[in-house]
Amino acid sequence: MTLNNGIDEKVLLVSKRGVANELRKIAIHLARQISRESLDEIARAFNVGAYSSVSGVVNRTDSQLRAESRVKKSYQQIFASLNMSQAKT
């Protein structure tokens, strides 16, 4: 399934050990920031093993957003596309 912004949903739901998936991390971070879902619910939605893994992703992504302009730019673009799609509905 392809999401409204052209991202294949499989990219967000699959994780391979040792392979960075920036879009997945950003999606998990956004889910935590803009939804009322618990860490456990987000873990289930993204096929993450445990709620503590979600917490770790959110904390690491926070650090990356402060330190890496490339990650911050990607995050802002995805956030903006979410806002635009919400405005259309």
Protein backbone atom coordinates (compact mmCIF):
# COMPACT_ATOMS: atom_id res chain seq x y z
CA MET A 1 0.00 0.00 0.00
CA THR A 2 1.23 3.48 -0.86
CA LEU A 3 0.40 6.33 1.48
CA ASN A 4 -0.88 9.74 0.29
CA ASN A 5 2.63 11.16 0.16
CA GLY A 6 3.95 8.35 -2.08
CA ILE A 7 5.73 6.43 0.68
CA ASP A 8 5.29 2.66 0.57
CA GLU A 9 3.75 1.56 3.87
CA LYS A 10 6.11 -1.46 3.99
CA VAL A 11 9.04 0.93 4.40
CA LEU A 12 7.51 2.16 7.66
CA LEU A 13 6.50 -1.23 9.04
CA VAL A 14 9.65 -3.26 8.39
CA SER A 15 12.91 -2.93 10.25
CA LYS A 16 16.16 -4.76 9.57
CA ARG A 17 18.78 -4.97 12.29
CA GLY A 18 21.79 -2.80 11.49
CA VAL A 19 20.04 -0.93 8.67
CA ALA A 20 18.93 2.63 9.38
CA ASN A 21 15.41 3.48 8.29
CA GLU A 22 15.13 7.23 8.69
CA LEU A 23 11.54 7.41 7.44
CA ARG A 24 10.45 4.76 9.93
CA LYS A 25 12.12 6.59 12.81
CA ILE A 26 10.52 9.88 11.79
CA ALA A 27 7.11 8.22 11.46
CA ILE A 28 7.41 6.68 14.93
CA HIS A 29 8.52 10.03 16.36
CA LEU A 30 5.61 11.84 14.69
CA ALA A 31 3.16 9.21 15.91
CA ARG A 32 4.33 9.86 19.45
CA GLN A 33 4.30 13.64 19.08
CA ILE A 34 0.95 14.17 17.37
CA SER A 35 -1.20 11.24 18.46
CA ARG A 36 -2.66 10.23 21.78
CA GLU A 37 -1.50 6.65 21.32
CA SER A 38 0.52 5.01 24.07
CA LEU A 39 4.05 3.73 23.48
CA ASP A 40 2.60 0.21 23.50
CA GLU A 41 0.04 1.07 20.82
CA ILE A 42 2.68 2.72 18.64
CA ALA A 43 4.93 -0.34 19.07
CA ARG A 44 2.12 -2.58 17.80
CA ALA A 45 1.30 -0.26 14.88
CA PHE A 46 4.92 -0.27 13.68
CA ASN A 47 5.67 -3.92 14.50
CA VAL A 48 8.20 -2.89 17.13
CA GLY A 49 9.00 -5.45 19.80
CA ALA A 50 8.36 -3.38 22.92
CA TYR A 51 7.21 0.03 24.07
CA SER A 52 10.72 0.75 25.35
CA SER A 53 12.01 0.48 21.77
CA VAL A 54 9.57 3.21 20.73
CA SER A 55 10.81 5.38 23.60
CA GLY A 56 14.40 4.84 22.44
CA VAL A 57 13.56 5.75 18.84
CA VAL A 58 11.79 8.92 19.99
CA ASN A 59 14.73 9.97 22.19
CA ARG A 60 17.34 9.24 19.50
CA THR A 61 15.28 11.07 16.88
CA ASP A 62 14.99 14.08 19.22
CA SER A 63 18.79 14.15 19.42
CA GLN A 64 19.16 13.81 15.65
CA LEU A 65 16.67 16.61 15.05
CA ARG A 66 18.80 18.91 17.19
CA ALA A 67 22.13 17.83 15.70
CA GLU A 68 21.51 16.97 12.04
CA SER A 69 19.98 19.50 9.67
CA ARG A 70 19.31 16.79 7.04
CA VAL A 71 17.12 14.82 9.47
CA LYS A 72 15.39 18.00 10.61
CA LYS A 73 14.61 18.94 7.00
CA SER A 74 13.14 15.48 6.29
CA TYR A 75 11.08 15.68 9.47
CA GLN A 76 9.73 19.12 8.60
CA GLN A 77 8.80 18.02 5.07
CA ILE A 78 6.91 14.98 6.33
CA PHE A 79 5.20 17.00 9.06
CA ALA A 80 4.15 19.62 6.49
CA SER A 81 2.75 16.95 4.17
CA LEU A 82 0.72 15.54 7.07
CA ASN A 83 -0.67 18.98 7.82
CA MET A 84 -1.57 19.49 4.16
CA SER A 85 -3.34 16.13 3.94
CA GLN A 86 -5.30 16.90 7.13
CA ALA A 87 -6.39 20.23 5.67
CA LYS A 88 -7.82 18.42 2.62
CA THR A 89 -10.01 16.08 4.70
